C-alpha atoms as a PDB file:
ATOM      1  CA  UNK A   1      -0.048   0.057  -0.001  1.00  0.00           C
ATOM      2  CA  UNK A   2       2.735   2.602   1.071  1.00  0.00           C
ATOM      3  CA  UNK A   3       4.941   1.953  -1.873  1.00  0.00           C
ATOM      4  CA  UNK A   4       2.032   3.217  -4.151  1.00  0.00           C
ATOM      5  CA  UNK A   5       1.785   6.726  -2.339  1.00  0.00           C
ATOM      6  CA  UNK A   6       3.825   9.606  -3.362  1.00  0.00           C
ATOM      7  CA  UNK A   7       3.946  13.293  -2.425  1.00  0.00           C
ATOM      8  CA  UNK A   8       3.432  15.948  -4.797  1.00  0.00           C
ATOM      9  CA  UNK A   9       5.077  18.869  -2.567  1.00  0.00           C
ATOM     10  CA  UNK A  10       7.586  16.939  -0.477  1.00  0.00           C
ATOM     11  CA  UNK A  11       9.248  20.438   0.455  1.00  0.00           C
ATOM     12  CA  UNK A  12       6.686  20.752   3.013  1.00  0.00           C
ATOM     13  CA  UNK A  13       8.119  18.048   5.120  1.00  0.00           C
ATOM     14  CA  UNK A  14      10.764  20.406   6.057  1.00  0.00           C
ATOM     15  CA  UNK A  15       8.309  22.233   8.364  1.00  0.00           C
ATOM     16  CA  UNK A  16       8.277  18.841  10.429  1.00  0.00           C
ATOM     17  CA  UNK A  17      11.640  20.080  11.794  1.00  0.00           C
ATOM     18  CA  UNK A  18       9.477  22.440  13.920  1.00  0.00           C
ATOM     19  CA  UNK A  19       7.615  19.949  15.966  1.00  0.00           C
ATOM     20  CA  UNK A  20      10.491  18.833  18.184  1.00  0.00           C
ATOM     21  CA  UNK A  21      11.433  22.751  18.415  1.00  0.00           C
ATOM     22  CA  UNK A  22       7.960  23.437  19.748  1.00  0.00           C
ATOM     23  CA  UNK A  23       7.977  20.444  21.966  1.00  0.00           C
ATOM     24  CA  UNK A  24      11.262  21.572  23.488  1.00  0.00           C
ATOM     25  CA  UNK A  25       9.768  25.126  24.036  1.00  0.00           C
ATOM     26  CA  UNK A  26       6.818  23.712  25.710  1.00  0.00           C
ATOM     27  CA  UNK A  27       8.768  21.762  27.973  1.00  0.00           C
ATOM     28  CA  UNK A  28      11.056  24.694  29.213  1.00  0.00           C
ATOM     29  CA  UNK A  29       7.909  27.209  29.373  1.00  0.00           C
ATOM     30  CA  UNK A  30       5.458  24.685  31.057  1.00  0.00           C
ATOM     31  CA  UNK A  31       6.136  25.768  34.700  1.00  0.00           C
ATOM     32  CA  UNK A  32       5.289  29.347  33.687  1.00  0.00           C
ATOM     33  CA  UNK A  33       1.722  28.581  32.229  1.00  0.00           C
ATOM     34  CA  UNK A  34       0.117  28.857  35.838  1.00  0.00           C
ATOM     35  CA  UNK A  35       0.105  31.871  38.039  1.00  0.00           C
ATOM     36  CA  UNK A  36       2.019  31.740  41.215  1.00  0.00           C
ATOM     37  CA  UNK A  37      -0.044  32.316  44.445  1.00  0.00           C
ATOM     38  CA  UNK A  38       2.149  32.901  47.487  1.00  0.00           C
ATOM     39  CA  UNK A  39       0.585  31.662  50.901  1.00  0.00           C
ATOM     40  CA  UNK A  40       1.919  31.632  54.367  1.00  0.00           C
ATOM     41  CA  UNK A  41       0.931  27.823  54.941  1.00  0.00           C
ATOM     42  CA  UNK A  42      -0.913  25.115  52.967  1.00  0.00           C
ATOM     43  CA  UNK A  43      -1.979  23.089  56.063  1.00  0.00           C
ATOM     44  CA  UNK A  44      -5.578  24.173  55.538  1.00  0.00           C
ATOM     45  CA  UNK A  45      -5.711  22.509  52.073  1.00  0.00           C
ATOM     46  CA  UNK A  46      -6.406  18.894  51.277  1.00  0.00           C
ATOM     47  CA  UNK A  47      -4.154  17.387  48.707  1.00  0.00           C
ATOM     48  CA  UNK A  48      -5.917  16.323  45.622  1.00  0.00           C
ATOM     49  CA  UNK A  49      -5.494  12.599  44.283  1.00  0.00           C
ATOM     50  CA  UNK A  50      -6.652  13.697  40.814  1.00  0.00           C
ATOM     51  CA  UNK A  51      -4.242  12.617  37.991  1.00  0.00           C
ATOM     52  CA  UNK A  52      -5.615  15.318  35.610  1.00  0.00           C
ATOM     53  CA  UNK A  53      -2.534  17.886  36.220  1.00  0.00           C
ATOM     54  CA  UNK A  54      -0.167  14.888  35.224  1.00  0.00           C
ATOM     55  CA  UNK A  55      -2.321  14.417  31.884  1.00  0.00           C
ATOM     56  CA  UNK A  56      -2.301  18.052  31.073  1.00  0.00           C
ATOM     57  CA  UNK A  57       0.711  17.774  28.620  1.00  0.00           C
ATOM     58  CA  UNK A  58      -1.733  15.629  26.585  1.00  0.00           C
ATOM     59  CA  UNK A  59      -3.267  18.745  25.317  1.00  0.00           C
ATOM     60  CA  UNK A  60      -0.135  19.991  23.697  1.00  0.00           C
ATOM     61  CA  UNK A  61       0.710  16.678  22.299  1.00  0.00           C
ATOM     62  CA  UNK A  62      -2.584  16.574  20.700  1.00  0.00           C
ATOM     63  CA  UNK A  63      -1.911  20.043  19.149  1.00  0.00           C
ATOM     64  CA  UNK A  64       1.402  18.982  17.911  1.00  0.00           C
ATOM     65  CA  UNK A  65      -0.059  15.814  16.287  1.00  0.00           C
ATOM     66  CA  UNK A  66      -2.580  18.087  14.351  1.00  0.00           C
ATOM     67  CA  UNK A  67       0.118  20.609  13.186  1.00  0.00           C
ATOM     68  CA  UNK A  68       2.160  17.389  11.726  1.00  0.00           C
ATOM     69  CA  UNK A  69      -1.091  16.205  10.160  1.00  0.00           C
ATOM     70  CA  UNK A  70      -1.625  19.539   8.503  1.00  0.00           C
ATOM     71  CA  UNK A  71       2.108  19.556   7.389  1.00  0.00           C
ATOM     72  CA  UNK A  72       1.854  16.124   5.759  1.00  0.00           C
ATOM     73  CA  UNK A  73      -1.308  17.174   3.936  1.00  0.00           C
ATOM     74  CA  UNK A  74       0.077  20.169   2.510  1.00  0.00           C
ATOM     75  CA  UNK A  75       2.775  17.683   1.041  1.00  0.00           C
ATOM     76  CA  UNK A  76      -0.152  16.249  -0.883  1.00  0.00           C
ATOM     77  CA  UNK A  77       0.115  12.555  -0.577  1.00  0.00           C
ATOM     78  CA  UNK A  78      -1.642  10.830  -3.634  1.00  0.00           C
ATOM     79  CA  UNK A  79      -1.853   7.591  -5.636  1.00  0.00           C
ATOM     80  CA  UNK A  80      -1.789   7.399  -9.397  1.00  0.00           C
ATOM     81  CA  UNK A  81      -3.097   4.705 -11.707  1.00  0.00           C
ATOM     82  CA  UNK A  82      -1.607   4.628 -14.976  1.00  0.00           C
ATOM     83  CA  UNK A  83      -3.106   3.155 -17.887  1.00  0.00           C
ATOM     84  CA  UNK A  84      -1.588   2.975 -21.410  1.00  0.00           C
ATOM     85  CA  UNK A  85      -2.990   2.626 -24.879  1.00  0.00           C
ATOM     86  CA  UNK A  86      -0.872   1.788 -28.085  1.00  0.00           C
ATOM     87  CA  UNK A  87      -2.103   3.749 -30.778  1.00  0.00           C
ATOM     88  CA  UNK A  88       0.212   2.436 -33.423  1.00  0.00           C
ATOM     89  CA  UNK A  89       3.115   0.332 -33.814  1.00  0.00           C
ATOM     90  CA  UNK A  90       5.670  -0.722 -36.437  1.00  0.00           C
ATOM     91  CA  UNK A  91       6.126  -4.205 -35.292  1.00  0.00           C
ATOM     92  CA  UNK A  92       8.995  -6.635 -35.851  1.00  0.00           C
ATOM     93  CA  UNK A  93       8.509 -10.542 -36.283  1.00  0.00           C
ATOM     94  CA  UNK A  94      11.550 -12.371 -35.130  1.00  0.00           C
ATOM     95  CA  UNK A  95      12.293 -16.063 -35.529  1.00  0.00           C
ATOM     96  CA  UNK A  96      15.035 -17.557 -33.363  1.00  0.00           C
ATOM     97  CA  UNK A  97      16.409 -20.541 -35.503  1.00  0.00           C
ATOM     98  CA  UNK A  98      18.636 -22.464 -33.023  1.00  0.00           C
ATOM     99  CA  UNK A  99      21.140 -25.340 -34.045  1.00  0.00           C
ATOM    100  CA  UNK A 100      20.460 -28.261 -31.566  1.00  0.00           C
ATOM    101  CA  UNK A 101      22.858 -30.669 -32.939  1.00  0.00           C
ATOM    102  CA  UNK A 102      25.075 -32.859 -30.659  1.00  0.00           C
ATOM    103  CA  UNK A 103      28.020 -30.420 -30.869  1.00  0.00           C
ATOM    104  CA  UNK A 104      25.961 -27.827 -28.871  1.00  0.00           C
ATOM    105  CA  UNK A 105      26.782 -29.701 -25.875  1.00  0.00           C
ATOM    106  CA  UNK A 106      30.501 -28.537 -25.979  1.00  0.00           C
ATOM    107  CA  UNK A 107      31.554 -27.217 -22.842  1.00  0.00           C
ATOM    108  CA  UNK A 108      33.530 -23.981 -23.979  1.00  0.00           C
ATOM    109  CA  UNK A 109      30.315 -22.347 -22.811  1.00  0.00           C
ATOM    110  CA  UNK A 110      28.961 -22.904 -19.166  1.00  0.00           C
ATOM    111  CA  UNK A 111      27.504 -25.424 -18.774  1.00  0.00           C
ATOM    112  CA  UNK A 112      27.299 -25.986 -22.588  1.00  0.00           C
ATOM    113  CA  UNK A 113      26.540 -24.053 -25.639  1.00  0.00           C
ATOM    114  CA  UNK A 114      23.015 -25.069 -25.794  1.00  0.00           C
ATOM    115  CA  UNK A 115      22.111 -23.923 -22.230  1.00  0.00           C
ATOM    116  CA  UNK A 116      24.030 -20.728 -22.730  1.00  0.00           C
ATOM    117  CA  UNK A 117      22.198 -19.919 -25.940  1.00  0.00           C
ATOM    118  CA  UNK A 118      18.691 -20.558 -24.051  1.00  0.00           C
ATOM    119  CA  UNK A 119      19.583 -18.471 -21.208  1.00  0.00           C
ATOM    120  CA  UNK A 120      20.618 -15.498 -23.549  1.00  0.00           C
ATOM    121  CA  UNK A 121      17.596 -15.961 -25.791  1.00  0.00           C
ATOM    122  CA  UNK A 122      15.252 -15.836 -22.888  1.00  0.00           C
ATOM    123  CA  UNK A 123      16.581 -12.395 -21.689  1.00  0.00           C
ATOM    124  CA  UNK A 124      16.362 -11.227 -25.285  1.00  0.00           C
ATOM    125  CA  UNK A 125      12.488 -12.168 -25.642  1.00  0.00           C
ATOM    126  CA  UNK A 126      11.797 -10.264 -22.320  1.00  0.00           C
ATOM    127  CA  UNK A 127      13.064  -7.145 -23.725  1.00  0.00           C
ATOM    128  CA  UNK A 128      10.864  -7.397 -26.966  1.00  0.00           C
ATOM    129  CA  UNK A 129       7.629  -6.289 -25.484  1.00  0.00           C
ATOM    130  CA  UNK A 130       5.558  -5.757 -28.523  1.00  0.00           C
ATOM    131  CA  UNK A 131       6.997  -7.973 -31.070  1.00  0.00           C
ATOM    132  CA  UNK A 132       5.930 -11.342 -32.182  1.00  0.00           C
ATOM    133  CA  UNK A 133       8.556 -14.168 -31.754  1.00  0.00           C
ATOM    134  CA  UNK A 134       8.788 -17.693 -33.003  1.00  0.00           C
ATOM    135  CA  UNK A 135      11.335 -20.463 -32.515  1.00  0.00           C
ATOM    136  CA  UNK A 136      12.805 -22.796 -35.037  1.00  0.00           C
ATOM    137  CA  UNK A 137      15.309 -25.798 -34.293  1.00  0.00           C
ATOM    138  CA  UNK A 138      17.325 -27.659 -36.483  1.00  0.00           C
ATOM    139  CA  UNK A 139      19.922 -30.236 -36.638  1.00  0.00           C
ATOM    140  CA  UNK A 140      19.788 -32.785 -39.325  1.00  0.00           C
ATOM    141  CA  UNK A 141      16.249 -31.604 -40.215  1.00  0.00           C
ATOM    142  CA  UNK A 142      14.233 -28.584 -39.032  1.00  0.00           C
ATOM    143  CA  UNK A 143      10.843 -27.994 -37.533  1.00  0.00           C
ATOM    144  CA  UNK A 144       8.935 -25.066 -35.938  1.00  0.00           C
ATOM    145  CA  UNK A 145       8.912 -25.511 -32.098  1.00  0.00           C
ATOM    146  CA  UNK A 146       6.694 -22.307 -31.532  1.00  0.00           C
ATOM    147  CA  UNK A 147       5.094 -20.301 -34.334  1.00  0.00           C
ATOM    148  CA  UNK A 148       5.060 -16.401 -34.189  1.00  0.00           C
ATOM    149  CA  UNK A 149       3.288 -15.317 -31.143  1.00  0.00           C
ATOM    150  CA  UNK A 150       3.087 -12.223 -28.943  1.00  0.00           C
ATOM    151  CA  UNK A 151       2.693 -14.494 -25.838  1.00  0.00           C
ATOM    152  CA  UNK A 152       6.162 -13.995 -24.248  1.00  0.00           C
ATOM    153  CA  UNK A 153       5.572 -16.522 -21.476  1.00  0.00           C
ATOM    154  CA  UNK A 154       4.837 -19.381 -24.111  1.00  0.00           C
ATOM    155  CA  UNK A 155       8.115 -18.340 -25.971  1.00  0.00           C
ATOM    156  CA  UNK A 156      10.301 -18.348 -22.953  1.00  0.00           C
ATOM    157  CA  UNK A 157       8.831 -21.921 -21.949  1.00  0.00           C
ATOM    158  CA  UNK A 158       9.385 -22.907 -25.386  1.00  0.00           C
ATOM    159  CA  UNK A 159      13.218 -22.047 -25.148  1.00  0.00           C
ATOM    160  CA  UNK A 160      13.466 -23.603 -21.808  1.00  0.00           C
ATOM    161  CA  UNK A 161      12.371 -26.739 -23.237  1.00  0.00           C
ATOM    162  CA  UNK A 162      14.700 -26.813 -26.105  1.00  0.00           C
ATOM    163  CA  UNK A 163      16.874 -30.146 -26.016  1.00  0.00           C
ATOM    164  CA  UNK A 164      19.393 -31.811 -28.185  1.00  0.00           C
ATOM    165  CA  UNK A 165      17.063 -34.963 -28.091  1.00  0.00           C
ATOM    166  CA  UNK A 166      14.623 -32.994 -29.990  1.00  0.00           C
ATOM    167  CA  UNK A 167      16.801 -33.312 -33.132  1.00  0.00           C
ATOM    168  CA  UNK A 168      15.236 -35.759 -35.688  1.00  0.00           C
ATOM    169  CA  UNK A 169      18.681 -36.590 -37.427  1.00  0.00           C
ATOM    170  CA  UNK A 170      22.224 -35.807 -36.816  1.00  0.00           C
ATOM    171  CA  UNK A 171      24.182 -33.189 -38.593  1.00  0.00           C
ATOM    172  CA  UNK A 172      23.714 -29.605 -39.190  1.00  0.00           C
ATOM    173  CA  UNK A 173      21.380 -28.383 -41.897  1.00  0.00           C
ATOM    174  CA  UNK A 174      21.681 -24.656 -41.742  1.00  0.00           C
ATOM    175  CA  UNK A 175      19.764 -24.427 -45.334  1.00  0.00           C
ATOM    176  CA  UNK A 176      16.767 -26.243 -43.515  1.00  0.00           C
ATOM    177  CA  UNK A 177      16.820 -23.904 -40.672  1.00  0.00           C
ATOM    178  CA  UNK A 178      16.606 -20.837 -42.756  1.00  0.00           C
ATOM    179  CA  UNK A 179      13.864 -22.178 -44.984  1.00  0.00           C
ATOM    180  CA  UNK A 180      11.736 -23.247 -42.217  1.00  0.00           C
ATOM    181  CA  UNK A 181      12.222 -19.896 -40.475  1.00  0.00           C
ATOM    182  CA  UNK A 182      11.368 -18.063 -43.864  1.00  0.00           C
ATOM    183  CA  UNK A 183       8.206 -20.274 -44.121  1.00  0.00           C
ATOM    184  CA  UNK A 184       7.216 -18.694 -40.783  1.00  0.00           C
ATOM    185  CA  UNK A 185       7.686 -15.247 -41.940  1.00  0.00           C
ATOM    186  CA  UNK A 186       6.765 -14.932 -45.443  1.00  0.00           C
ATOM    187  CA  UNK A 187       3.056 -14.193 -44.778  1.00  0.00           C
ATOM    188  CA  UNK A 188       3.958 -11.790 -42.018  1.00  0.00           C
ATOM    189  CA  UNK A 189       2.576  -8.099 -42.506  1.00  0.00           C
ATOM    190  CA  UNK A 190       5.136  -6.958 -40.089  1.00  0.00           C
ATOM    191  CA  UNK A 191       7.076  -3.672 -41.017  1.00  0.00           C
ATOM    192  CA  UNK A 192      10.379  -5.656 -40.480  1.00  0.00           C
ATOM    193  CA  UNK A 193      11.059  -9.453 -40.450  1.00  0.00           C
ATOM    194  CA  UNK A 194      14.237 -10.977 -38.818  1.00  0.00           C
ATOM    195  CA  UNK A 195      15.868 -14.250 -38.344  1.00  0.00           C
ATOM    196  CA  UNK A 196      18.469 -14.830 -35.780  1.00  0.00           C
ATOM    197  CA  UNK A 197      20.443 -17.698 -37.057  1.00  0.00           C
ATOM    198  CA  UNK A 198      22.606 -19.578 -34.329  1.00  0.00           C
ATOM    199  CA  UNK A 199      25.009 -22.443 -35.308  1.00  0.00           C
ATOM    200  CA  UNK A 200      28.198 -23.979 -34.184  1.00  0.00           C
ATOM    201  CA  UNK A 201      29.229 -26.006 -37.157  1.00  0.00           C
ATOM    202  CA  UNK A 202      29.008 -26.137 -41.074  1.00  0.00           C
ATOM    203  CA  UNK A 203      26.254 -27.002 -43.390  1.00  0.00           C
ATOM    204  CA  UNK A 204      26.712 -30.643 -43.808  1.00  0.00           C
ATOM    205  CA  UNK A 205      23.310 -32.263 -44.409  1.00  0.00           C
ATOM    206  CA  UNK A 206      19.703 -31.158 -45.449  1.00  0.00           C
ATOM    207  CA  UNK A 207      18.199 -30.924 -49.025  1.00  0.00           C
ATOM    208  CA  UNK A 208      17.840 -27.209 -49.004  1.00  0.00           C
ATOM    209  CA  UNK A 209      21.189 -25.359 -49.894  1.00  0.00           C
ATOM    210  CA  UNK A 210      21.743 -22.416 -47.680  1.00  0.00           C
ATOM    211  CA  UNK A 211      22.292 -20.066 -50.585  1.00  0.00           C
ATOM    212  CA  UNK A 212      18.970 -21.011 -52.054  1.00  0.00           C
ATOM    213  CA  UNK A 213      17.433 -20.582 -48.637  1.00  0.00           C
ATOM    214  CA  UNK A 214      19.075 -17.113 -48.253  1.00  0.00           C
ATOM    215  CA  UNK A 215      17.518 -16.050 -51.827  1.00  0.00           C
ATOM    216  CA  UNK A 216      14.177 -17.003 -50.466  1.00  0.00           C
ATOM    217  CA  UNK A 217      14.869 -14.731 -47.377  1.00  0.00           C
ATOM    218  CA  UNK A 218      15.730 -11.819 -49.704  1.00  0.00           C
ATOM    219  CA  UNK A 219      12.726 -12.470 -51.873  1.00  0.00           C
ATOM    220  CA  UNK A 220      10.449 -11.957 -48.754  1.00  0.00           C
ATOM    221  CA  UNK A 221      12.707  -9.090 -47.456  1.00  0.00           C
ATOM    222  CA  UNK A 222      13.704 -11.078 -44.433  1.00  0.00           C
ATOM    223  CA  UNK A 223      16.876  -9.896 -42.554  1.00  0.00           C
ATOM    224  CA  UNK A 224      19.239 -12.412 -41.241  1.00  0.00           C
ATOM    225  CA  UNK A 225      21.490 -11.925 -38.278  1.00  0.00           C
ATOM    226  CA  UNK A 226      23.901 -14.959 -38.083  1.00  0.00           C
ATOM    227  CA  UNK A 227      25.771 -15.936 -35.037  1.00  0.00           C
ATOM    228  CA  UNK A 228      28.590 -18.714 -34.943  1.00  0.00           C
ATOM    229  CA  UNK A 229      29.087 -20.002 -31.577  1.00  0.00           C
ATOM    230  CA  UNK A 230      32.286 -21.584 -30.421  1.00  0.00           C
ATOM    231  CA  UNK A 231      35.585 -20.578 -28.925  1.00  0.00           C
ATOM    232  CA  UNK A 232      38.607 -20.215 -31.187  1.00  0.00           C
ATOM    233  CA  UNK A 233      40.823 -23.540 -31.347  1.00  0.00           C
ATOM    234  CA  UNK A 234      39.391 -26.685 -29.558  1.00  0.00           C
ATOM    235  CA  UNK A 235      36.760 -27.208 -27.173  1.00  0.00           C
ATOM    236  CA  UNK A 236      35.483 -30.224 -25.096  1.00  0.00           C
ATOM    237  CA  UNK A 237      32.811 -31.739 -27.189  1.00  0.00           C
ATOM    238  CA  UNK A 238      30.893 -34.953 -27.006  1.00  0.00           C
ATOM    239  CA  UNK A 239      32.302 -37.696 -29.406  1.00  0.00           C
ATOM    240  CA  UNK A 240      30.544 -40.767 -28.121  1.00  0.00           C
ATOM    241  CA  UNK A 241      27.978 -42.346 -25.708  1.00  0.00           C
ATOM    242  CA  UNK A 242      29.430 -44.603 -22.948  1.00  0.00           C
ATOM    243  CA  UNK A 243      27.508 -47.764 -21.791  1.00  0.00           C
ATOM    244  CA  UNK A 244      25.971 -45.952 -19.058  1.00  0.00           C
ATOM    245  CA  UNK A 245      24.490 -43.414 -21.470  1.00  0.00           C
ATOM    246  CA  UNK A 246      26.732 -40.688 -20.594  1.00  0.00           C
ATOM    247  CA  UNK A 247      28.711 -38.632 -23.190  1.00  0.00           C
ATOM    248  CA  UNK A 248      32.289 -39.063 -23.668  1.00  0.00           C
ATOM    249  CA  UNK A 249      34.170 -35.834 -24.156  1.00  0.00           C
ATOM    250  CA  UNK A 250      37.508 -34.917 -25.721  1.00  0.00           C
ATOM    251  CA  UNK A 251      39.018 -31.693 -27.416  1.00  0.00           C
ATOM    252  CA  UNK A 252      37.586 -31.209 -30.807  1.00  0.00           C
ATOM    253  CA  UNK A 253      38.556 -28.400 -33.150  1.00  0.00           C
ATOM    254  CA  UNK A 254      35.914 -25.864 -33.568  1.00  0.00           C
ATOM    255  CA  UNK A 255      34.781 -25.544 -37.245  1.00  0.00           C
ATOM    256  CA  UNK A 256      32.429 -22.891 -38.151  1.00  0.00           C
ATOM    257  CA  UNK A 257      31.613 -21.836 -41.662  1.00  0.00           C
ATOM    258  CA  UNK A 258      32.089 -17.958 -41.080  1.00  0.00           C
ATOM    259  CA  UNK A 259      32.384 -17.251 -44.794  1.00  0.00           C
ATOM    260  CA  UNK A 260      28.871 -18.695 -45.428  1.00  0.00           C
ATOM    261  CA  UNK A 261      27.364 -17.128 -42.326  1.00  0.00           C
ATOM    262  CA  UNK A 262      28.832 -13.730 -43.396  1.00  0.00           C
ATOM    263  CA  UNK A 263      27.561 -14.146 -46.907  1.00  0.00           C
ATOM    264  CA  UNK A 264      24.021 -15.057 -45.595  1.00  0.00           C
ATOM    265  CA  UNK A 265      24.081 -11.926 -43.406  1.00  0.00           C
ATOM    266  CA  UNK A 266      25.478  -9.481 -45.912  1.00  0.00           C
ATOM    267  CA  UNK A 267      22.986 -10.529 -48.688  1.00  0.00           C
ATOM    268  CA  UNK A 268      19.924 -10.087 -46.494  1.00  0.00           C
ATOM    269  CA  UNK A 269      21.057  -6.791 -44.858  1.00  0.00           C
ATOM    270  CA  UNK A 270      21.729  -8.454 -41.551  1.00  0.00           C
ATOM    271  CA  UNK A 271      25.183  -8.981 -39.814  1.00  0.00           C
ATOM    272  CA  UNK A 272      27.612 -11.828 -38.716  1.00  0.00           C
ATOM    273  CA  UNK A 273      28.699 -12.193 -35.244  1.00  0.00           C
ATOM    274  CA  UNK A 274      31.237 -14.468 -33.898  1.00  0.00           C
ATOM    275  CA  UNK A 275      30.270 -15.698 -30.239  1.00  0.00           C
ATOM    276  CA  UNK A 276      33.479 -16.988 -28.402  1.00  0.00           C
ATOM    277  CA  UNK A 277      32.014 -17.180 -25.005  1.00  0.00           C
ATOM    278  CA  UNK A 278      28.625 -16.323 -23.149  1.00  0.00           C
ATOM    279  CA  UNK A 279      29.774 -12.742 -22.478  1.00  0.00           C
ATOM    280  CA  UNK A 280      30.188 -12.171 -26.020  1.00  0.00           C
ATOM    281  CA  UNK A 281      26.712 -13.799 -26.995  1.00  0.00           C
ATOM    282  CA  UNK A 282      25.182 -11.431 -24.468  1.00  0.00           C
ATOM    283  CA  UNK A 283      26.793  -8.411 -26.206  1.00  0.00           C
ATOM    284  CA  UNK A 284      25.551  -9.810 -29.641  1.00  0.00           C
ATOM    285  CA  UNK A 285      22.072 -10.141 -28.632  1.00  0.00           C
ATOM    286  CA  UNK A 286      22.250  -6.672 -27.082  1.00  0.00           C
ATOM    287  CA  UNK A 287      23.517  -5.262 -30.268  1.00  0.00           C
ATOM    288  CA  UNK A 288      20.683  -6.769 -32.092  1.00  0.00           C
ATOM    289  CA  UNK A 289      18.350  -5.550 -29.753  1.00  0.00           C
ATOM    290  CA  UNK A 290      19.467  -1.945 -30.390  1.00  0.00           C
ATOM    291  CA  UNK A 291      19.616  -2.399 -34.079  1.00  0.00           C
ATOM    292  CA  UNK A 292      16.085  -3.677 -34.471  1.00  0.00           C
ATOM    293  CA  UNK A 293      14.040  -1.182 -32.332  1.00  0.00           C
ATOM    294  CA  UNK A 294      10.196  -1.221 -32.499  1.00  0.00           C
ATOM    295  CA  UNK A 295       8.665   2.153 -32.862  1.00  0.00           C
ATOM    296  CA  UNK A 296       5.477   2.530 -30.402  1.00  0.00           C
ATOM    297  CA  UNK A 297       3.294   5.475 -30.173  1.00  0.00           C
ATOM    298  CA  UNK A 298       1.615   5.277 -26.780  1.00  0.00           C
ATOM    299  CA  UNK A 299      -0.886   7.250 -24.875  1.00  0.00           C
ATOM    300  CA  UNK A 300      -0.818   7.327 -20.883  1.00  0.00           C
ATOM    301  CA  UNK A 301      -3.651   8.276 -18.949  1.00  0.00           C
ATOM    302  CA  UNK A 302      -3.103   9.317 -15.292  1.00  0.00           C
ATOM    303  CA  UNK A 303      -5.858   8.763 -12.670  1.00  0.00           C
ATOM    304  CA  UNK A 304      -4.789  10.650  -9.534  1.00  0.00           C
ATOM    305  CA  UNK A 305      -6.505   9.839  -5.948  1.00  0.00           C
ATOM    306  CA  UNK A 306      -5.780  12.722  -3.507  1.00  0.00           C
ATOM    307  CA  UNK A 307      -5.004  11.655   0.249  1.00  0.00           C
ATOM    308  CA  UNK A 308      -4.923  14.823   2.031  1.00  0.00           C
ATOM    309  CA  UNK A 309      -8.511  15.143   2.837  1.00  0.00           C
ATOM    310  CA  UNK A 310      -8.558  12.475   5.478  1.00  0.00           C
ATOM    311  CA  UNK A 311      -5.400  14.004   7.174  1.00  0.00           C
ATOM    312  CA  UNK A 312      -6.947  17.458   7.262  1.00  0.00           C
ATOM    313  CA  UNK A 313     -10.144  16.084   8.685  1.00  0.00           C
ATOM    314  CA  UNK A 314      -8.094  14.056  11.432  1.00  0.00           C
ATOM    315  CA  UNK A 315      -6.069  17.149  12.286  1.00  0.00           C
ATOM    316  CA  UNK A 316      -9.251  19.257  12.696  1.00  0.00           C
ATOM    317  CA  UNK A 317     -10.663  16.602  14.705  1.00  0.00           C
ATOM    318  CA  UNK A 318      -7.679  16.438  16.940  1.00  0.00           C
ATOM    319  CA  UNK A 319      -7.883  20.428  17.459  1.00  0.00           C
ATOM    320  CA  UNK A 320     -11.419  20.138  18.259  1.00  0.00           C
ATOM    321  CA  UNK A 321     -10.928  17.284  20.813  1.00  0.00           C
ATOM    322  CA  UNK A 322      -8.135  19.314  22.528  1.00  0.00           C
ATOM    323  CA  UNK A 323     -10.575  22.434  22.630  1.00  0.00           C
ATOM    324  CA  UNK A 324     -13.191  20.403  24.206  1.00  0.00           C
ATOM    325  CA  UNK A 325     -10.945  18.865  26.721  1.00  0.00           C
ATOM    326  CA  UNK A 326      -9.324  22.263  27.477  1.00  0.00           C
ATOM    327  CA  UNK A 327     -12.508  23.875  28.208  1.00  0.00           C
ATOM    328  CA  UNK A 328     -14.354  21.088  30.036  1.00  0.00           C
ATOM    329  CA  UNK A 329     -12.289  18.373  31.795  1.00  0.00           C
ATOM    330  CA  UNK A 330      -9.218  20.563  32.213  1.00  0.00           C
ATOM    331  CA  UNK A 331     -10.850  23.853  32.650  1.00  0.00           C
ATOM    332  CA  UNK A 332      -9.974  24.120  36.345  1.00  0.00           C
ATOM    333  CA  UNK A 333      -6.283  23.322  35.521  1.00  0.00           C
ATOM    334  CA  UNK A 334      -5.468  25.170  32.600  1.00  0.00           C
END
């Protein structure tokens, strides 16, 4: 509740510094409030057992509380309900085409390339608030894991569920991955259409040539950002499956067809990136995010609810209560 309240004029809170000064002044001057009567003896007077004189400072405390409430009211506490209406948008449709071949389990990324790819892709999806995003995965063949959708929760769940065992066949069919992605985007009416193509190898299988798939992308004005994933040199990669079902790893030379990936990106108006570690992959996604901005025209409506009135009413109530006490119960002592 309190985190939703803000003050329009917080500079009035400086007046609260007066409260302790008034309290100190009253403490010093309190003995001079009553007149002093000098008499020769008090033996003829009976000692009163009333506690009212001891409660007399309550009157001043009530007055100080009312002053504090008035100061807070002058600061204008309020809440605001903000509603947004998007009037127009130049949306971007994005397909993330992810290589899920066995080599994506190489451990030059932590814990491996595939898990690093998934983590960074989810962060990217979270930033694309108004875009539609689809997921295509490929190895020896390719298929659509999630069609274009604006449901970010569905897309993130789909990415989290990606596993190398989803691959129908071994190998890396880059052309197939591009072709399936183009098929998802070709009927899109979005202002901009983008494929983010991720792979850690070379095209070594599939019945669609990457260059033909690239021409299809060009025909439908689809831009491709290609990313080669893998360190320079060798990486611990799976080479066999042991009897217990675990992978056997050994250092394998990282081989990425950078010439092909560069050509694909250049011909479609995109850009090629090389991600040698997870930090570099994050930077690449950040750059793509900056390059592919969605223009949004948004109207915001602010509904303010003023909260100073109850404070003023309570402050006046305390003053009235103090006045009544001063002129009734404490009349003979004040």
